[in-house]
N, C-alpha and C. Protein backbone atom coordinates (compact mmCIF):
# COMPACT_ATOMS: atom_id res chain seq x y z
N GLN A 1 0.84 -1.19 0.00
CA GLN A 1 0.00 0.00 0.00
C GLN A 1 0.87 1.24 0.00
N VAL A 2 0.26 2.36 -0.30
CA VAL A 2 0.94 3.64 -0.30
C VAL A 2 0.13 4.60 0.55
N GLN A 3 0.82 5.44 1.29
CA GLN A 3 0.17 6.48 2.09
C GLN A 3 0.51 7.83 1.45
N LEU A 4 -0.49 8.71 1.42
CA LEU A 4 -0.35 10.00 0.74
C LEU A 4 -0.62 11.13 1.71
N LEU A 5 0.19 12.18 1.63
CA LEU A 5 0.04 13.33 2.51
C LEU A 5 0.20 14.60 1.69
N GLU A 6 -0.90 15.36 1.59
CA GLU A 6 -0.87 16.62 0.84
C GLU A 6 -0.39 17.76 1.73
N SER A 7 0.16 18.76 1.09
CA SER A 7 0.55 19.99 1.79
C SER A 7 0.55 21.13 0.78
N GLY A 8 0.58 22.34 1.31
CA GLY A 8 0.71 23.51 0.44
C GLY A 8 -0.56 24.31 0.23
N GLY A 9 -1.66 23.85 0.79
CA GLY A 9 -2.89 24.60 0.63
C GLY A 9 -2.87 25.87 1.47
N GLY A 10 -3.90 26.70 1.27
CA GLY A 10 -3.98 27.92 2.05
C GLY A 10 -4.88 28.93 1.39
N LEU A 11 -4.75 30.16 1.85
CA LEU A 11 -5.55 31.27 1.35
C LEU A 11 -4.71 32.08 0.37
N VAL A 12 -5.26 32.35 -0.78
CA VAL A 12 -4.55 33.13 -1.80
C VAL A 12 -5.55 34.04 -2.50
N GLN A 13 -5.06 35.17 -2.97
CA GLN A 13 -5.93 36.10 -3.69
C GLN A 13 -6.12 35.65 -5.14
N ALA A 14 -7.23 36.03 -5.70
CA ALA A 14 -7.49 35.73 -7.10
C ALA A 14 -6.36 36.27 -7.97
N GLY A 15 -5.96 35.45 -8.91
CA GLY A 15 -4.83 35.80 -9.77
C GLY A 15 -3.50 35.30 -9.26
N GLY A 16 -3.49 34.83 -8.04
CA GLY A 16 -2.25 34.35 -7.44
C GLY A 16 -1.92 32.93 -7.83
N SER A 17 -0.84 32.45 -7.22
CA SER A 17 -0.34 31.10 -7.53
C SER A 17 -0.15 30.31 -6.24
N LEU A 18 -0.15 29.00 -6.41
CA LEU A 18 0.02 28.11 -5.27
C LEU A 18 0.61 26.81 -5.78
N ARG A 19 1.43 26.16 -4.98
CA ARG A 19 1.93 24.84 -5.32
C ARG A 19 1.53 23.84 -4.25
N LEU A 20 0.84 22.82 -4.65
CA LEU A 20 0.50 21.74 -3.74
C LEU A 20 1.48 20.58 -3.94
N SER A 21 1.78 19.92 -2.85
CA SER A 21 2.63 18.75 -2.89
C SER A 21 1.90 17.57 -2.28
N CYS A 22 2.24 16.40 -2.74
CA CYS A 22 1.69 15.17 -2.18
C CYS A 22 2.84 14.19 -2.03
N ALA A 23 3.20 13.92 -0.79
CA ALA A 23 4.30 13.02 -0.50
C ALA A 23 3.77 11.61 -0.27
N ALA A 24 4.41 10.65 -0.87
CA ALA A 24 3.97 9.27 -0.77
C ALA A 24 4.97 8.46 0.04
N SER A 25 4.47 7.50 0.79
CA SER A 25 5.32 6.58 1.52
C SER A 25 4.71 5.19 1.42
N GLY A 26 5.55 4.19 1.60
CA GLY A 26 5.07 2.83 1.49
C GLY A 26 5.74 2.14 0.31
N ARG A 27 4.94 1.63 -0.56
CA ARG A 27 5.45 0.92 -1.72
C ARG A 27 6.13 1.87 -2.71
N THR A 28 6.84 1.32 -3.64
CA THR A 28 7.59 2.08 -4.62
C THR A 28 6.69 3.07 -5.35
N PHE A 29 7.02 4.35 -5.25
CA PHE A 29 6.18 5.41 -5.75
C PHE A 29 5.96 5.29 -7.26
N SER A 30 6.98 4.88 -7.97
CA SER A 30 6.86 4.81 -9.43
C SER A 30 5.91 3.72 -9.91
N MET A 31 5.40 2.92 -9.02
CA MET A 31 4.40 1.91 -9.37
C MET A 31 3.02 2.51 -9.55
N TYR A 32 2.85 3.78 -9.12
CA TYR A 32 1.54 4.39 -9.06
C TYR A 32 1.39 5.53 -10.06
N ALA A 33 0.29 5.49 -10.79
CA ALA A 33 -0.15 6.69 -11.49
C ALA A 33 -0.84 7.57 -10.46
N MET A 34 -0.73 8.87 -10.64
CA MET A 34 -1.20 9.81 -9.64
C MET A 34 -2.19 10.80 -10.24
N ALA A 35 -2.97 11.38 -9.37
CA ALA A 35 -3.94 12.37 -9.83
C ALA A 35 -4.27 13.34 -8.71
N TRP A 36 -4.77 14.50 -9.11
CA TRP A 36 -5.33 15.46 -8.17
C TRP A 36 -6.82 15.60 -8.47
N PHE A 37 -7.60 15.63 -7.41
CA PHE A 37 -9.03 15.87 -7.49
C PHE A 37 -9.37 17.05 -6.60
N LEU A 38 -10.49 17.66 -6.87
CA LEU A 38 -10.99 18.70 -5.98
C LEU A 38 -12.42 18.38 -5.58
N GLN A 39 -12.79 18.90 -4.43
CA GLN A 39 -14.17 18.77 -3.97
C GLN A 39 -14.59 20.08 -3.35
N ALA A 40 -15.51 20.75 -4.01
CA ALA A 40 -16.07 21.99 -3.49
C ALA A 40 -17.23 21.65 -2.57
N PRO A 41 -17.58 22.56 -1.68
CA PRO A 41 -18.68 22.29 -0.74
C PRO A 41 -19.97 21.93 -1.45
N GLY A 42 -20.55 20.82 -1.03
CA GLY A 42 -21.83 20.40 -1.58
C GLY A 42 -21.74 19.76 -2.95
N LYS A 43 -20.53 19.55 -3.45
CA LYS A 43 -20.37 18.97 -4.78
C LYS A 43 -19.59 17.68 -4.72
N GLU A 44 -19.66 16.92 -5.80
CA GLU A 44 -18.92 15.67 -5.88
C GLU A 44 -17.44 15.94 -6.16
N ARG A 45 -16.63 14.98 -5.82
CA ARG A 45 -15.21 15.07 -6.10
C ARG A 45 -14.99 14.95 -7.61
N GLU A 46 -14.14 15.82 -8.14
CA GLU A 46 -13.93 15.80 -9.58
C GLU A 46 -12.45 15.89 -9.91
N SER A 47 -12.12 15.34 -11.05
CA SER A 47 -10.73 15.27 -11.48
C SER A 47 -10.21 16.65 -11.89
N VAL A 48 -8.96 16.90 -11.55
CA VAL A 48 -8.28 18.12 -11.95
C VAL A 48 -7.16 17.81 -12.92
N ALA A 49 -6.30 16.89 -12.54
CA ALA A 49 -5.15 16.55 -13.36
C ALA A 49 -4.65 15.16 -12.98
N ASP A 50 -3.98 14.51 -13.93
CA ASP A 50 -3.42 13.21 -13.65
C ASP A 50 -2.08 13.06 -14.37
N ILE A 51 -1.28 12.11 -13.88
CA ILE A 51 0.05 11.92 -14.45
C ILE A 51 0.40 10.44 -14.40
N SER A 52 1.04 9.98 -15.44
CA SER A 52 1.39 8.56 -15.53
C SER A 52 2.54 8.21 -14.59
N ARG A 53 2.84 6.94 -14.52
CA ARG A 53 3.86 6.45 -13.58
C ARG A 53 5.23 7.08 -13.80
N CYS A 54 5.60 7.25 -15.04
CA CYS A 54 6.92 7.81 -15.32
C CYS A 54 6.88 9.32 -15.53
N GLY A 55 5.67 9.87 -15.56
CA GLY A 55 5.53 11.31 -15.77
C GLY A 55 5.46 11.73 -17.22
N GLY A 56 5.47 10.74 -18.11
CA GLY A 56 5.50 11.08 -19.53
C GLY A 56 4.17 11.50 -20.11
N ARG A 57 3.11 11.21 -19.41
CA ARG A 57 1.78 11.58 -19.88
C ARG A 57 1.03 12.31 -18.78
N THR A 58 0.40 13.42 -19.14
CA THR A 58 -0.42 14.16 -18.21
C THR A 58 -1.78 14.46 -18.83
N GLY A 59 -2.75 14.69 -17.98
CA GLY A 59 -4.09 15.05 -18.44
C GLY A 59 -4.67 16.11 -17.52
N TYR A 60 -5.52 16.96 -18.10
CA TYR A 60 -6.09 18.07 -17.33
C TYR A 60 -7.57 18.23 -17.63
N ALA A 61 -8.30 18.64 -16.60
CA ALA A 61 -9.69 19.03 -16.81
C ALA A 61 -9.70 20.33 -17.61
N ASP A 62 -10.75 20.50 -18.41
CA ASP A 62 -10.83 21.70 -19.26
C ASP A 62 -10.75 22.99 -18.45
N ALA A 63 -11.31 22.96 -17.24
CA ALA A 63 -11.38 24.18 -16.44
C ALA A 63 -10.01 24.67 -15.98
N VAL A 64 -9.02 23.79 -16.00
CA VAL A 64 -7.71 24.17 -15.46
C VAL A 64 -6.61 24.15 -16.51
N LYS A 65 -6.92 23.76 -17.72
CA LYS A 65 -5.89 23.71 -18.76
C LYS A 65 -5.27 25.07 -18.96
N GLY A 66 -3.96 25.08 -19.01
CA GLY A 66 -3.23 26.33 -19.17
C GLY A 66 -2.96 27.05 -17.86
N ARG A 67 -3.61 26.66 -16.78
CA ARG A 67 -3.41 27.30 -15.48
C ARG A 67 -2.73 26.37 -14.48
N PHE A 68 -3.04 25.10 -14.56
CA PHE A 68 -2.50 24.13 -13.60
C PHE A 68 -1.50 23.23 -14.30
N THR A 69 -0.46 22.83 -13.59
CA THR A 69 0.52 21.88 -14.10
C THR A 69 0.77 20.81 -13.07
N ILE A 70 0.68 19.56 -13.49
CA ILE A 70 0.99 18.44 -12.61
C ILE A 70 2.36 17.89 -13.00
N SER A 71 3.14 17.53 -11.99
CA SER A 71 4.45 16.95 -12.24
C SER A 71 4.77 16.00 -11.09
N ARG A 72 5.79 15.21 -11.27
CA ARG A 72 6.17 14.29 -10.22
C ARG A 72 7.69 14.13 -10.20
N ASP A 73 8.20 13.80 -9.04
CA ASP A 73 9.61 13.50 -8.85
C ASP A 73 9.67 12.15 -8.17
N ASN A 74 9.92 11.12 -8.94
CA ASN A 74 9.91 9.77 -8.38
C ASN A 74 11.06 9.55 -7.40
N ALA A 75 12.12 10.29 -7.54
CA ALA A 75 13.24 10.16 -6.60
C ALA A 75 12.86 10.71 -5.22
N LYS A 76 11.91 11.66 -5.21
CA LYS A 76 11.47 12.26 -3.95
C LYS A 76 10.10 11.74 -3.51
N ASN A 77 9.56 10.79 -4.27
CA ASN A 77 8.25 10.21 -3.92
C ASN A 77 7.17 11.28 -3.77
N THR A 78 7.18 12.23 -4.66
CA THR A 78 6.27 13.37 -4.53
C THR A 78 5.66 13.74 -5.86
N VAL A 79 4.39 14.10 -5.82
CA VAL A 79 3.70 14.67 -6.98
C VAL A 79 3.31 16.11 -6.62
N TYR A 80 3.39 16.97 -7.62
CA TYR A 80 3.15 18.38 -7.40
C TYR A 80 2.01 18.87 -8.28
N ARG A 81 1.44 19.96 -7.85
CA ARG A 81 0.48 20.64 -8.72
C ARG A 81 0.69 22.14 -8.57
N HIS A 82 1.13 22.75 -9.64
CA HIS A 82 1.31 24.19 -9.66
C HIS A 82 0.04 24.81 -10.21
N MET A 83 -0.46 25.79 -9.48
CA MET A 83 -1.70 26.45 -9.88
C MET A 83 -1.42 27.93 -10.08
N ASN A 84 -1.72 28.43 -11.25
CA ASN A 84 -1.55 29.84 -11.56
C ASN A 84 -2.90 30.46 -11.90
N SER A 85 -2.94 31.76 -11.87
CA SER A 85 -4.16 32.50 -12.24
C SER A 85 -5.37 31.95 -11.51
N LEU A 86 -5.22 31.80 -10.21
CA LEU A 86 -6.29 31.21 -9.42
C LEU A 86 -7.55 32.08 -9.42
N LYS A 87 -8.68 31.38 -9.40
CA LYS A 87 -9.98 32.04 -9.41
C LYS A 87 -10.76 31.64 -8.17
N PRO A 88 -11.70 32.46 -7.73
CA PRO A 88 -12.50 32.08 -6.56
C PRO A 88 -13.18 30.72 -6.74
N GLU A 89 -13.55 30.38 -7.95
CA GLU A 89 -14.20 29.09 -8.18
C GLU A 89 -13.25 27.90 -8.06
N ASP A 90 -11.96 28.17 -7.89
CA ASP A 90 -11.01 27.09 -7.62
C ASP A 90 -11.01 26.69 -6.14
N THR A 91 -11.73 27.44 -5.33
CA THR A 91 -11.81 27.14 -3.91
C THR A 91 -12.40 25.76 -3.69
N ALA A 92 -11.66 24.92 -2.98
CA ALA A 92 -12.08 23.53 -2.75
C ALA A 92 -11.07 22.85 -1.85
N VAL A 93 -11.40 21.66 -1.43
CA VAL A 93 -10.41 20.77 -0.83
C VAL A 93 -9.80 19.96 -1.97
N TYR A 94 -8.49 19.92 -2.01
CA TYR A 94 -7.78 19.21 -3.07
C TYR A 94 -7.17 17.93 -2.50
N TYR A 95 -7.39 16.85 -3.21
CA TYR A 95 -6.92 15.53 -2.80
C TYR A 95 -5.96 14.97 -3.84
N CYS A 96 -4.93 14.31 -3.38
CA CYS A 96 -4.15 13.51 -4.33
C CYS A 96 -4.57 12.06 -4.19
N ALA A 97 -4.40 11.33 -5.27
CA ALA A 97 -4.85 9.95 -5.33
C ALA A 97 -3.85 9.12 -6.11
N ALA A 98 -3.82 7.83 -5.81
CA ALA A 98 -2.87 6.94 -6.46
C ALA A 98 -3.57 5.66 -6.90
N THR A 99 -3.11 5.14 -8.03
CA THR A 99 -3.61 3.86 -8.51
C THR A 99 -2.46 3.01 -9.02
N ASP A 100 -2.54 1.70 -8.76
CA ASP A 100 -1.55 0.78 -9.30
C ASP A 100 -2.19 -0.14 -10.34
N LYS A 101 -3.39 0.23 -10.79
CA LYS A 101 -4.06 -0.56 -11.80
C LYS A 101 -3.37 -0.40 -13.15
N ALA A 102 -3.37 -1.49 -13.91
CA ALA A 102 -2.76 -1.42 -15.23
C ALA A 102 -3.67 -0.66 -16.21
N TYR A 103 -4.96 -0.82 -16.04
CA TYR A 103 -5.93 -0.16 -16.91
C TYR A 103 -6.91 0.61 -16.04
N TYR A 104 -7.09 1.90 -16.32
CA TYR A 104 -7.95 2.72 -15.50
C TYR A 104 -8.35 3.96 -16.29
N VAL A 105 -9.45 4.56 -15.83
CA VAL A 105 -9.88 5.83 -16.41
C VAL A 105 -9.39 6.91 -15.46
N ALA A 106 -8.47 7.74 -15.93
CA ALA A 106 -7.76 8.65 -15.04
C ALA A 106 -8.66 9.66 -14.36
N SER A 107 -9.77 10.02 -14.97
CA SER A 107 -10.62 11.07 -14.43
C SER A 107 -11.66 10.56 -13.44
N GLN A 108 -11.72 9.28 -13.22
CA GLN A 108 -12.77 8.72 -12.37
C GLN A 108 -12.23 8.39 -10.98
N THR A 109 -12.96 8.76 -9.95
CA THR A 109 -12.53 8.50 -8.58
C THR A 109 -12.41 7.01 -8.31
N VAL A 110 -13.24 6.21 -8.94
CA VAL A 110 -13.22 4.75 -8.68
C VAL A 110 -11.93 4.10 -9.15
N SER A 111 -11.16 4.81 -9.98
CA SER A 111 -9.89 4.26 -10.46
C SER A 111 -8.82 4.24 -9.38
N TYR A 112 -9.01 5.00 -8.33
CA TYR A 112 -7.96 5.22 -7.34
C TYR A 112 -8.32 4.60 -6.00
N ALA A 113 -7.42 3.76 -5.51
CA ALA A 113 -7.66 3.09 -4.23
C ALA A 113 -7.06 3.83 -3.06
N TYR A 114 -6.15 4.74 -3.35
CA TYR A 114 -5.41 5.41 -2.27
C TYR A 114 -5.60 6.92 -2.38
N TRP A 115 -5.91 7.52 -1.22
CA TRP A 115 -6.22 8.94 -1.19
C TRP A 115 -5.52 9.61 -0.02
N GLY A 116 -5.15 10.86 -0.23
CA GLY A 116 -4.66 11.65 0.88
C GLY A 116 -5.83 12.22 1.67
N GLN A 117 -5.51 12.98 2.71
CA GLN A 117 -6.55 13.53 3.59
C GLN A 117 -7.13 14.83 3.06
N GLY A 118 -6.48 15.40 2.05
CA GLY A 118 -6.98 16.64 1.46
C GLY A 118 -6.33 17.87 2.06
N THR A 119 -6.25 18.90 1.25
CA THR A 119 -5.74 20.19 1.71
C THR A 119 -6.64 21.28 1.16
N GLN A 120 -6.98 22.24 2.00
CA GLN A 120 -7.93 23.29 1.63
C GLN A 120 -7.22 24.39 0.85
N VAL A 121 -7.82 24.77 -0.26
CA VAL A 121 -7.37 25.93 -1.02
C VAL A 121 -8.53 26.91 -1.09
N THR A 122 -8.29 28.13 -0.62
CA THR A 122 -9.32 29.15 -0.65
C THR A 122 -8.80 30.34 -1.45
N VAL A 123 -9.54 30.73 -2.47
CA VAL A 123 -9.15 31.84 -3.32
C VAL A 123 -10.12 32.99 -3.08
N SER A 124 -9.59 34.09 -2.60
CA SER A 124 -10.43 35.25 -2.30
C SER A 124 -10.49 36.18 -3.51
N SER A 125 -11.62 36.82 -3.67
CA SER A 125 -11.81 37.72 -4.81
C SER A 125 -11.36 39.14 -4.49
């Protein structure tokens, strides 16, 4: 199994930037494809970005394309998410997730068996 711990959330003004980190421990990090999801109050958890095991492939939700970047450092067992041009509607709890499945749909929560505890991001207008 793998354990995930997010950090880097906080309060930021609209237009600002933030970097979230997700540190993994347990099994070999490179065995897992990773993703970031968000959950706004009263809404379902939804995909933001995902990255393959080696980092060679990434995917983004339409709402964040061009503003968010996902990356990973397998030597540091960490996945990152850089967020630029933040908007108030980006306010949510952000979760990182991991999957060791060979075949999965990256944007679906059911693809991921391992989740962090979440980190709050609040964007003020």
